[in-house]
PDB file of N, CA and C in Angstrom:
ATOM      1  N   MET A   1     193.428  97.949  -7.901  1.00  0.00           N
ATOM      2  CA  MET A   1     192.846  98.916  -7.002  1.00  0.00           C
ATOM      3  C   MET A   1     191.730  99.705  -7.701  1.00  0.00           C
ATOM      4  N   VAL A   2     191.851  99.848  -9.012  1.00  0.00           N
ATOM      5  CA  VAL A   2     190.815 100.559  -9.767  1.00  0.00           C
ATOM      6  C   VAL A   2     189.470  99.859  -9.604  1.00  0.00           C
ATOM      7  N   GLU A   3     189.472  98.530  -9.691  1.00  0.00           N
ATOM      8  CA  GLU A   3     188.234  97.750  -9.552  1.00  0.00           C
ATOM      9  C   GLU A   3     187.662  97.881  -8.143  1.00  0.00           C
ATOM     10  N   VAL A   4     188.508  97.869  -7.148  1.00  0.00           N
ATOM     11  CA  VAL A   4     188.046  97.996  -5.758  1.00  0.00           C
ATOM     12  C   VAL A   4     187.359  99.334  -5.555  1.00  0.00           C
ATOM     13  N   MET A   5     187.988 100.409  -6.009  1.00  0.00           N
ATOM     14  CA  MET A   5     187.393 101.735  -5.848  1.00  0.00           C
ATOM     15  C   MET A   5     186.114 101.858  -6.672  1.00  0.00           C
ATOM     16  N   ALA A   6     186.086 101.233  -7.845  1.00  0.00           N
ATOM     17  CA  ALA A   6     184.864 101.254  -8.660  1.00  0.00           C
ATOM     18  C   ALA A   6     183.718 100.585  -7.914  1.00  0.00           C
ATOM     19  N   ARG A   7     184.004  99.527  -7.209  1.00  0.00           N
ATOM     20  CA  ARG A   7     182.958  98.852  -6.436  1.00  0.00           C
ATOM     21  C   ARG A   7     182.480  99.706  -5.262  1.00  0.00           C
ATOM     22  N   PHE A   8     183.389 100.439  -4.662  1.00  0.00           N
ATOM     23  CA  PHE A   8     182.966 101.350  -3.597  1.00  0.00           C
ATOM     24  C   PHE A   8     182.088 102.468  -4.144  1.00  0.00           C
ATOM     25  N   ARG A   9     182.291 102.809  -5.400  1.00  0.00           N
ATOM     26  CA  ARG A   9     181.495 103.878  -6.018  1.00  0.00           C
ATOM     27  C   ARG A   9     180.151 103.382  -6.531  1.00  0.00           C
ATOM     28  N   SER A  10     179.903 102.089  -6.491  1.00  0.00           N
ATOM     29  CA  SER A  10     178.721 101.512  -7.154  1.00  0.00           C
ATOM     30  C   SER A  10     177.555 101.253  -6.211  1.00  0.00           C
ATOM     31  N   GLY A  11     176.988 102.287  -5.670  1.00  0.00           N
ATOM     32  CA  GLY A  11     175.713 102.177  -4.982  1.00  0.00           C
ATOM     33  C   GLY A  11     175.689 101.553  -3.607  1.00  0.00           C
ATOM     34  N   VAL A  12     176.645 101.868  -2.747  1.00  0.00           N
ATOM     35  CA  VAL A  12     176.590 101.403  -1.361  1.00  0.00           C
ATOM     36  C   VAL A  12     175.461 102.163  -0.672  1.00  0.00           C
ATOM     37  N   LYS A  13     174.517 101.439  -0.080  1.00  0.00           N
ATOM     38  CA  LYS A  13     173.328 102.050   0.530  1.00  0.00           C
ATOM     39  C   LYS A  13     173.397 102.116   2.055  1.00  0.00           C
ATOM     40  N   GLU A  14     174.204 101.218   2.649  1.00  0.00           N
ATOM     41  CA  GLU A  14     174.264 101.128   4.105  1.00  0.00           C
ATOM     42  C   GLU A  14     175.638 100.629   4.516  1.00  0.00           C
ATOM     43  N   LEU A  15     176.149 101.155   5.608  1.00  0.00           N
ATOM     44  CA  LEU A  15     177.410 100.702   6.181  1.00  0.00           C
ATOM     45  C   LEU A  15     177.235 100.587   7.691  1.00  0.00           C
ATOM     46  N   GLY A  16     177.572  99.437   8.234  1.00  0.00           N
ATOM     47  CA  GLY A  16     177.507  99.254   9.679  1.00  0.00           C
ATOM     48  C   GLY A  16     176.152  99.545  10.274  1.00  0.00           C
ATOM     49  N   SER A  17     175.098  99.187   9.601  1.00  0.00           N
ATOM     50  CA  SER A  17     173.705  99.385  10.001  1.00  0.00           C
ATOM     51  C   SER A  17     173.269 100.851   9.949  1.00  0.00           C
ATOM     52  N   ARG A  18     174.065 101.716   9.361  1.00  0.00           N
ATOM     53  CA  ARG A  18     173.678 103.121   9.188  1.00  0.00           C
ATOM     54  C   ARG A  18     173.505 103.410   7.702  1.00  0.00           C
ATOM     55  N   LYS A  19     172.417 104.093   7.388  1.00  0.00           N
ATOM     56  CA  LYS A  19     172.132 104.439   5.998  1.00  0.00           C
ATOM     57  C   LYS A  19     173.152 105.450   5.480  1.00  0.00           C
ATOM     58  N   VAL A  20     173.521 105.263   4.214  1.00  0.00           N
ATOM     59  CA  VAL A  20     174.359 106.244   3.535  1.00  0.00           C
ATOM     60  C   VAL A  20     173.443 107.377   3.085  1.00  0.00           C
ATOM     61  N   LEU A  21     173.698 108.575   3.571  1.00  0.00           N
ATOM     62  CA  LEU A  21     172.881 109.730   3.223  1.00  0.00           C
ATOM     63  C   LEU A  21     173.407 110.431   1.970  1.00  0.00           C
ATOM     64  N   THR A  22     174.728 110.520   1.863  1.00  0.00           N
ATOM     65  CA  THR A  22     175.367 111.209   0.749  1.00  0.00           C
ATOM     66  C   THR A  22     176.687 110.526   0.429  1.00  0.00           C
ATOM     67  N   VAL A  23     177.006 110.456  -0.849  1.00  0.00           N
ATOM     68  CA  VAL A  23     178.302 109.945  -1.283  1.00  0.00           C
ATOM     69  C   VAL A  23     179.047 111.101  -1.948  1.00  0.00           C
ATOM     70  N   LEU A  24     180.222 111.397  -1.442  1.00  0.00           N
ATOM     71  CA  LEU A  24     181.074 112.431  -2.022  1.00  0.00           C
ATOM     72  C   LEU A  24     182.226 111.744  -2.745  1.00  0.00           C
ATOM     73  N   ASP A  25     182.289 111.925  -4.052  1.00  0.00           N
ATOM     74  CA  ASP A  25     183.321 111.296  -4.870  1.00  0.00           C
ATOM     75  C   ASP A  25     184.297 112.380  -5.326  1.00  0.00           C
ATOM     76  N   TYR A  26     185.522 112.269  -4.891  1.00  0.00           N
ATOM     77  CA  TYR A  26     186.538 113.281  -5.185  1.00  0.00           C
ATOM     78  C   TYR A  26     187.298 112.995  -6.480  1.00  0.00           C
ATOM     79  N   ALA A  27     186.819 112.070  -7.298  1.00  0.00           N
ATOM     80  CA  ALA A  27     187.519 111.681  -8.525  1.00  0.00           C
ATOM     81  C   ALA A  27     187.709 112.852  -9.491  1.00  0.00           C
ATOM     82  N   LYS A  28     186.774 113.775  -9.498  1.00  0.00           N
ATOM     83  CA  LYS A  28     186.880 114.926 -10.409  1.00  0.00           C
ATOM     84  C   LYS A  28     187.206 116.215  -9.660  1.00  0.00           C
ATOM     85  N   GLY A  29     187.537 116.092  -8.391  1.00  0.00           N
ATOM     86  CA  GLY A  29     187.772 117.268  -7.568  1.00  0.00           C
ATOM     87  C   GLY A  29     186.460 117.668  -6.907  1.00  0.00           C
ATOM     88  N   LEU A  30     186.539 118.168  -5.701  1.00  0.00           N
ATOM     89  CA  LEU A  30     185.334 118.519  -4.961  1.00  0.00           C
ATOM     90  C   LEU A  30     185.713 119.507  -3.867  1.00  0.00           C
ATOM     91  N   ASP A  31     184.830 120.431  -3.595  1.00  0.00           N
ATOM     92  CA  ASP A  31     185.042 121.411  -2.516  1.00  0.00           C
ATOM     93  C   ASP A  31     186.354 122.173  -2.666  1.00  0.00           C
ATOM     94  N   GLY A  32     186.762 122.460  -3.901  1.00  0.00           N
ATOM     95  CA  GLY A  32     187.998 123.191  -4.138  1.00  0.00           C
ATOM     96  C   GLY A  32     189.259 122.355  -4.012  1.00  0.00           C
ATOM     97  N   LEU A  33     189.100 121.055  -3.773  1.00  0.00           N
ATOM     98  CA  LEU A  33     190.257 120.159  -3.659  1.00  0.00           C
ATOM     99  C   LEU A  33     190.572 119.544  -5.022  1.00  0.00           C
ATOM    100  N   PRO A  34     191.831 119.188  -5.263  1.00  0.00           N
ATOM    101  CA  PRO A  34     192.168 118.567  -6.543  1.00  0.00           C
ATOM    102  C   PRO A  34     191.552 117.177  -6.648  1.00  0.00           C
ATOM    103  N   LYS A  35     191.452 116.661  -7.871  1.00  0.00           N
ATOM    104  CA  LYS A  35     190.889 115.325  -8.040  1.00  0.00           C
ATOM    105  C   LYS A  35     191.751 114.308  -7.307  1.00  0.00           C
ATOM    106  N   SER A  36     191.066 113.323  -6.751  1.00  0.00           N
ATOM    107  CA  SER A  36     191.731 112.306  -5.945  1.00  0.00           C
ATOM    108  C   SER A  36     190.871 111.053  -5.930  1.00  0.00           C
ATOM    109  N   ASN A  37     191.485 109.918  -5.755  1.00  0.00           N
ATOM    110  CA  ASN A  37     190.772 108.653  -5.736  1.00  0.00           C
ATOM    111  C   ASN A  37     190.234 108.389  -4.328  1.00  0.00           C
ATOM    112  N   VAL A  38     189.233 109.190  -3.952  1.00  0.00           N
ATOM    113  CA  VAL A  38     188.671 109.173  -2.594  1.00  0.00           C
ATOM    114  C   VAL A  38     187.151 109.174  -2.682  1.00  0.00           C
ATOM    115  N   VAL A  39     186.521 108.341  -1.855  1.00  0.00           N
ATOM    116  CA  VAL A  39     185.070 108.336  -1.721  1.00  0.00           C
ATOM    117  C   VAL A  39     184.750 108.512  -0.240  1.00  0.00           C
ATOM    118  N   LYS A  40     183.841 109.446   0.044  1.00  0.00           N
ATOM    119  CA  LYS A  40     183.425 109.691   1.427  1.00  0.00           C
ATOM    120  C   LYS A  40     181.930 109.447   1.533  1.00  0.00           C
ATOM    121  N   TYR A  41     181.549 108.603   2.484  1.00  0.00           N
ATOM    122  CA  TYR A  41     180.146 108.301   2.751  1.00  0.00           C
ATOM    123  C   TYR A  41     179.716 109.056   3.992  1.00  0.00           C
ATOM    124  N   LEU A  42     178.729 109.919   3.850  1.00  0.00           N
ATOM    125  CA  LEU A  42     178.130 110.575   5.007  1.00  0.00           C
ATOM    126  C   LEU A  42     176.977 109.697   5.465  1.00  0.00           C
ATOM    127  N   LEU A  43     177.013 109.281   6.717  1.00  0.00           N
ATOM    128  CA  LEU A  43     176.056 108.323   7.258  1.00  0.00           C
ATOM    129  C   LEU A  43     175.099 108.990   8.235  1.00  0.00           C
ATOM    130  N   GLU A  44     174.073 108.239   8.591  1.00  0.00           N
ATOM    131  CA  GLU A  44     173.155 108.687   9.640  1.00  0.00           C
ATOM    132  C   GLU A  44     173.936 108.961  10.922  1.00  0.00           C
ATOM    133  N   GLU A  45     173.336 109.757  11.778  1.00  0.00           N
ATOM    134  CA  GLU A  45     173.862 110.048  13.114  1.00  0.00           C
ATOM    135  C   GLU A  45     175.244 110.692  13.076  1.00  0.00           C
ATOM    136  N   ASN A  46     175.452 111.533  12.059  1.00  0.00           N
ATOM    137  CA  ASN A  46     176.670 112.337  11.971  1.00  0.00           C
ATOM    138  C   ASN A  46     177.956 111.497  11.970  1.00  0.00           C
ATOM    139  N   SER A  47     177.927 110.385  11.268  1.00  0.00           N
ATOM    140  CA  SER A  47     179.101 109.531  11.134  1.00  0.00           C
ATOM    141  C   SER A  47     179.538 109.533   9.675  1.00  0.00           C
ATOM    142  N   PHE A  48     180.775 109.109   9.422  1.00  0.00           N
ATOM    143  CA  PHE A  48     181.219 108.995   8.037  1.00  0.00           C
ATOM    144  C   PHE A  48     182.312 107.952   7.888  1.00  0.00           C
ATOM    145  N   VAL A  49     182.485 107.510   6.634  1.00  0.00           N
ATOM    146  CA  VAL A  49     183.548 106.592   6.255  1.00  0.00           C
ATOM    147  C   VAL A  49     184.214 107.173   5.017  1.00  0.00           C
ATOM    148  N   VAL A  50     185.540 107.213   5.027  1.00  0.00           N
ATOM    149  CA  VAL A  50     186.313 107.670   3.878  1.00  0.00           C
ATOM    150  C   VAL A  50     187.161 106.503   3.395  1.00  0.00           C
ATOM    151  N   VAL A  51     187.135 106.267   2.083  1.00  0.00           N
ATOM    152  CA  VAL A  51     187.933 105.207   1.473  1.00  0.00           C
ATOM    153  C   VAL A  51     188.833 105.854   0.435  1.00  0.00           C
ATOM    154  N   ARG A  52     190.122 105.551   0.499  1.00  0.00           N
ATOM    155  CA  ARG A  52     191.039 106.082  -0.510  1.00  0.00           C
ATOM    156  C   ARG A  52     192.127 105.071  -0.811  1.00  0.00           C
ATOM    157  N   SER A  53     192.560 105.087  -2.045  1.00  0.00           N
ATOM    158  CA  SER A  53     193.656 104.203  -2.418  1.00  0.00           C
ATOM    159  C   SER A  53     194.957 104.991  -2.383  1.00  0.00           C
ATOM    160  N   SER A  54     196.028 104.277  -2.136  1.00  0.00           N
ATOM    161  CA  SER A  54     197.344 104.896  -2.156  1.00  0.00           C
ATOM    162  C   SER A  54     197.705 105.187  -3.602  1.00  0.00           C
ATOM    163  N   GLY A  55     198.380 106.270  -3.846  1.00  0.00           N
ATOM    164  CA  GLY A  55     198.804 106.588  -5.195  1.00  0.00           C
ATOM    165  C   GLY A  55     200.103 105.918  -5.587  1.00  0.00           C
ATOM    166  N   THR A  56     200.787 105.286  -4.620  1.00  0.00           N
ATOM    167  CA  THR A  56     202.113 104.736  -4.895  1.00  0.00           C
ATOM    168  C   THR A  56     202.245 103.236  -4.667  1.00  0.00           C
ATOM    169  N   GLU A  57     201.260 102.629  -4.011  1.00  0.00           N
ATOM    170  CA  GLU A  57     201.349 101.183  -3.744  1.00  0.00           C
ATOM    171  C   GLU A  57     199.949 100.589  -3.673  1.00  0.00           C
ATOM    172  N   PRO A  58     199.834  99.282  -3.801  1.00  0.00           N
ATOM    173  CA  PRO A  58     198.499  98.657  -3.778  1.00  0.00           C
ATOM    174  C   PRO A  58     197.944  98.571  -2.357  1.00  0.00           C
ATOM    175  N   LYS A  59     197.548  99.713  -1.847  1.00  0.00           N
ATOM    176  CA  LYS A  59     197.072  99.803  -0.471  1.00  0.00           C
ATOM    177  C   LYS A  59     195.800 100.634  -0.444  1.00  0.00           C
ATOM    178  N   LEU A  60     194.856 100.211   0.376  1.00  0.00           N
ATOM    179  CA  LEU A  60     193.610 100.933   0.552  1.00  0.00           C
ATOM    180  C   LEU A  60     193.544 101.414   1.992  1.00  0.00           C
ATOM    181  N   LYS A  61     193.169 102.663   2.179  1.00  0.00           N
ATOM    182  CA  LYS A  61     193.029 103.210   3.533  1.00  0.00           C
ATOM    183  C   LYS A  61     191.568 103.543   3.774  1.00  0.00           C
ATOM    184  N   VAL A  62     191.089 103.192   4.959  1.00  0.00           N
ATOM    185  CA  VAL A  62     189.704 103.445   5.339  1.00  0.00           C
ATOM    186  C   VAL A  62     189.720 104.199   6.658  1.00  0.00           C
ATOM    187  N   TYR A  63     189.015 105.316   6.682  1.00  0.00           N
ATOM    188  CA  TYR A  63     188.898 106.136   7.888  1.00  0.00           C
ATOM    189  C   TYR A  63     187.447 106.100   8.335  1.00  0.00           C
ATOM    190  N   ILE A  64     187.230 105.848   9.624  1.00  0.00           N
ATOM    191  CA  ILE A  64     185.884 105.731  10.170  1.00  0.00           C
ATOM    192  C   ILE A  64     185.708 106.754  11.291  1.00  0.00           C
ATOM    193  N   SER A  65     184.620 107.507  11.221  1.00  0.00           N
ATOM    194  CA  SER A  65     184.265 108.438  12.290  1.00  0.00           C
ATOM    195  C   SER A  65     182.826 108.138  12.700  1.00  0.00           C
ATOM    196  N   VAL A  66     182.636 107.830  13.973  1.00  0.00           N
ATOM    197  CA  VAL A  66     181.329 107.402  14.470  1.00  0.00           C
ATOM    198  C   VAL A  66     180.926 108.269  15.652  1.00  0.00           C
ATOM    199  N   ASN A  67     179.662 108.631  15.685  1.00  0.00           N
ATOM    200  CA  ASN A  67     179.078 109.316  16.837  1.00  0.00           C
ATOM    201  C   ASN A  67     177.982 108.439  17.408  1.00  0.00           C
ATOM    202  N   GLY A  68     177.796 108.507  18.714  1.00  0.00           N
ATOM    203  CA  GLY A  68     176.746 107.742  19.364  1.00  0.00           C
ATOM    204  C   GLY A  68     176.416 108.329  20.721  1.00  0.00           C
ATOM    205  N   LYS A  69     175.380 107.799  21.323  1.00  0.00           N
ATOM    206  CA  LYS A  69     174.944 108.310  22.623  1.00  0.00           C
ATOM    207  C   LYS A  69     175.867 107.870  23.756  1.00  0.00           C
ATOM    208  N   THR A  70     176.436 106.674  23.617  1.00  0.00           N
ATOM    209  CA  THR A  70     177.339 106.157  24.639  1.00  0.00           C
ATOM    210  C   THR A  70     178.589 105.588  23.973  1.00  0.00           C
ATOM    211  N   GLN A  71     179.621 105.395  24.764  1.00  0.00           N
ATOM    212  CA  GLN A  71     180.850 104.791  24.241  1.00  0.00           C
ATOM    213  C   GLN A  71     180.569 103.387  23.714  1.00  0.00           C
ATOM    214  N   LYS A  72     179.687 102.663  24.385  1.00  0.00           N
ATOM    215  CA  LYS A  72     179.328 101.313  23.938  1.00  0.00           C
ATOM    216  C   LYS A  72     178.681 101.362  22.549  1.00  0.00           C
ATOM    217  N   ASP A  73     177.775 102.319  22.329  1.00  0.00           N
ATOM    218  CA  ASP A  73     177.151 102.481  21.011  1.00  0.00           C
ATOM    219  C   ASP A  73     178.209 102.738  19.938  1.00  0.00           C
ATOM    220  N   VAL A  74     179.122 103.650  20.238  1.00  0.00           N
ATOM    221  CA  VAL A  74     180.173 103.996  19.288  1.00  0.00           C
ATOM    222  C   VAL A  74     181.033 102.775  18.975  1.00  0.00           C
ATOM    223  N   THR A  75     181.436 102.050  20.006  1.00  0.00           N
ATOM    224  CA  THR A  75     182.274 100.864  19.819  1.00  0.00           C
ATOM    225  C   THR A  75     181.562  99.819  18.974  1.00  0.00           C
ATOM    226  N   ASN A  76     180.265  99.600  19.241  1.00  0.00           N
ATOM    227  CA  ASN A  76     179.495  98.613  18.470  1.00  0.00           C
ATOM    228  C   ASN A  76     179.367  99.006  17.003  1.00  0.00           C
ATOM    229  N   VAL A  77     179.048 100.262  16.734  1.00  0.00           N
ATOM    230  CA  VAL A  77     178.893 100.710  15.346  1.00  0.00           C
ATOM    231  C   VAL A  77     180.236 100.669  14.622  1.00  0.00           C
ATOM    232  N   GLU A  78     181.294 101.087  15.297  1.00  0.00           N
ATOM    233  CA  GLU A  78     182.624 101.051  14.685  1.00  0.00           C
ATOM    234  C   GLU A  78     183.004  99.609  14.321  1.00  0.00           C
ATOM    235  N   ALA A  79     182.717  98.671  15.205  1.00  0.00           N
ATOM    236  CA  ALA A  79     183.011  97.259  14.923  1.00  0.00           C
ATOM    237  C   ALA A  79     182.192  96.753  13.741  1.00  0.00           C
ATOM    238  N   LYS A  80     180.911  97.118  13.676  1.00  0.00           N
ATOM    239  CA  LYS A  80     180.066  96.715  12.546  1.00  0.00           C
ATOM    240  C   LYS A  80     180.595  97.289  11.234  1.00  0.00           C
ATOM    241  N   LEU A  81     180.967  98.559  11.252  1.00  0.00           N
ATOM    242  CA  LEU A  81     181.517  99.190  10.051  1.00  0.00           C
ATOM    243  C   LEU A  81     182.798  98.485   9.606  1.00  0.00           C
ATOM    244  N   SER A  82     183.695  98.254  10.537  1.00  0.00           N
ATOM    245  CA  SER A  82     184.953  97.578  10.217  1.00  0.00           C
ATOM    246  C   SER A  82     184.717  96.192   9.639  1.00  0.00           C
ATOM    247  N   ASP A  83     183.823  95.434  10.274  1.00  0.00           N
ATOM    248  CA  ASP A  83     183.510  94.084   9.795  1.00  0.00           C
ATOM    249  C   ASP A  83     182.896  94.116   8.403  1.00  0.00           C
ATOM    250  N   GLN A  84     181.963  95.025   8.182  1.00  0.00           N
ATOM    251  CA  GLN A  84     181.289  95.096   6.890  1.00  0.00           C
ATOM    252  C   GLN A  84     182.272  95.493   5.782  1.00  0.00           C
ATOM    253  N   ILE A  85     183.139  96.442   6.063  1.00  0.00           N
ATOM    254  CA  ILE A  85     184.120  96.863   5.072  1.00  0.00           C
ATOM    255  C   ILE A  85     185.113  95.742   4.797  1.00  0.00           C
ATOM    256  N   GLN A  86     185.545  95.044   5.834  1.00  0.00           N
ATOM    257  CA  GLN A  86     186.467  93.916   5.648  1.00  0.00           C
ATOM    258  C   GLN A  86     185.822  92.824   4.800  1.00  0.00           C
ATOM    259  N   THR A  87     184.560  92.515   5.062  1.00  0.00           N
ATOM    260  CA  THR A  87     183.846  91.509   4.265  1.00  0.00           C
ATOM    261  C   THR A  87     183.736  91.961   2.814  1.00  0.00           C
ATOM    262  N   PHE A  88     183.399  93.214   2.601  1.00  0.00           N
ATOM    263  CA  PHE A  88     183.302  93.774   1.253  1.00  0.00           C
ATOM    264  C   PHE A  88     184.636  93.635   0.519  1.00  0.00           C
ATOM    265  N   LEU A  89     185.734  93.970   1.188  1.00  0.00           N
ATOM    266  CA  LEU A  89     187.048  93.882   0.568  1.00  0.00           C
ATOM    267  C   LEU A  89     187.447  92.433   0.282  1.00  0.00           C
ATOM    268  N   THR A  90     187.148  91.545   1.210  1.00  0.00           N
ATOM    269  CA  THR A  90     187.460  90.137   1.007  1.00  0.00           C
ATOM    270  C   THR A  90     186.737  89.606  -0.222  1.00  0.00           C
ATOM    271  N   ARG A  91     185.457  89.927  -0.356  1.00  0.00           N
ATOM    272  CA  ARG A  91     184.686  89.500  -1.530  1.00  0.00           C
ATOM    273  C   ARG A  91     185.236  90.115  -2.806  1.00  0.00           C
ATOM    274  N   THR A  92     185.583  91.394  -2.739  1.00  0.00           N
ATOM    275  CA  THR A  92     186.101  92.084  -3.909  1.00  0.00           C
ATOM    276  C   THR A  92     187.419  91.483  -4.367  1.00  0.00           C
ATOM    277  N   PHE A  93     188.332  91.266  -3.448  1.00  0.00           N
ATOM    278  CA  PHE A  93     189.630  90.719  -3.826  1.00  0.00           C
ATOM    279  C   PHE A  93     189.548  89.269  -4.246  1.00  0.00           C
ATOM    280  N   SER A  94     188.636  88.505  -3.641  1.00  0.00           N
ATOM    281  CA  SER A  94     188.534  87.089  -4.018  1.00  0.00           C
ATOM    282  C   SER A  94     187.891  86.926  -5.395  1.00  0.00           C
ATOM    283  N   SER A  95     187.167  87.959  -5.874  1.00  0.00           N
ATOM    284  CA  SER A  95     186.534  87.858  -7.176  1.00  0.00           C
ATOM    285  C   SER A  95     187.359  88.511  -8.285  1.00  0.00           C
ATOM    286  N   GLU A  96     188.470  89.166  -7.936  1.00  0.00           N
ATOM    287  CA  GLU A  96     189.331  89.772  -8.943  1.00  0.00           C
ATOM    288  C   GLU A  96     190.153  88.698  -9.617  1.00  0.00           C
ATOM    289  N   PRO A  97     190.381  88.810 -10.917  1.00  0.00           N
ATOM    290  CA  PRO A  97     191.260  87.850 -11.587  1.00  0.00           C
ATOM    291  C   PRO A  97     192.684  88.031 -11.082  1.00  0.00           C
ATOM    292  N   SER A  98     193.391  86.930 -10.941  1.00  0.00           N
ATOM    293  CA  SER A  98     194.766  87.028 -10.453  1.00  0.00           C
ATOM    294  C   SER A  98     195.678  87.560 -11.556  1.00  0.00           C
ATOM    295  N   GLU A  99     196.667  88.349 -11.151  1.00  0.00           N
ATOM    296  CA  GLU A  99     197.615  88.915 -12.109  1.00  0.00           C
ATOM    297  C   GLU A  99     198.710  87.898 -12.375  1.00  0.00           C
ATOM    298  N   LYS A 100     199.158  87.858 -13.618  1.00  0.00           N
ATOM    299  CA  LYS A 100     200.234  86.912 -13.971  1.00  0.00           C
ATOM    300  C   LYS A 100     201.454  87.661 -14.414  1.00  0.00           C
TER     301      LYS A 100
END
């Protein structure tokens, strides 16, 4: 999971066709919160994606918040974000060395 989170921290420029405006990394603590293995991407059009790993099991959680002019716009962007993140994770896990 360390490698997966490191890849999320390594220069993501766009998610779901929306530019990443700001990356908030909570690894050292942020906004008065304790340090945590969380990365938040603030995107264009007042949307965001939060990625965090579980502290107790090999699980990754992704939270998506999308704004748009119509429900159809929101649904399309949410689907693009989900697909892009799934593809990113598939590539990341397929390139990790297997544990023995």
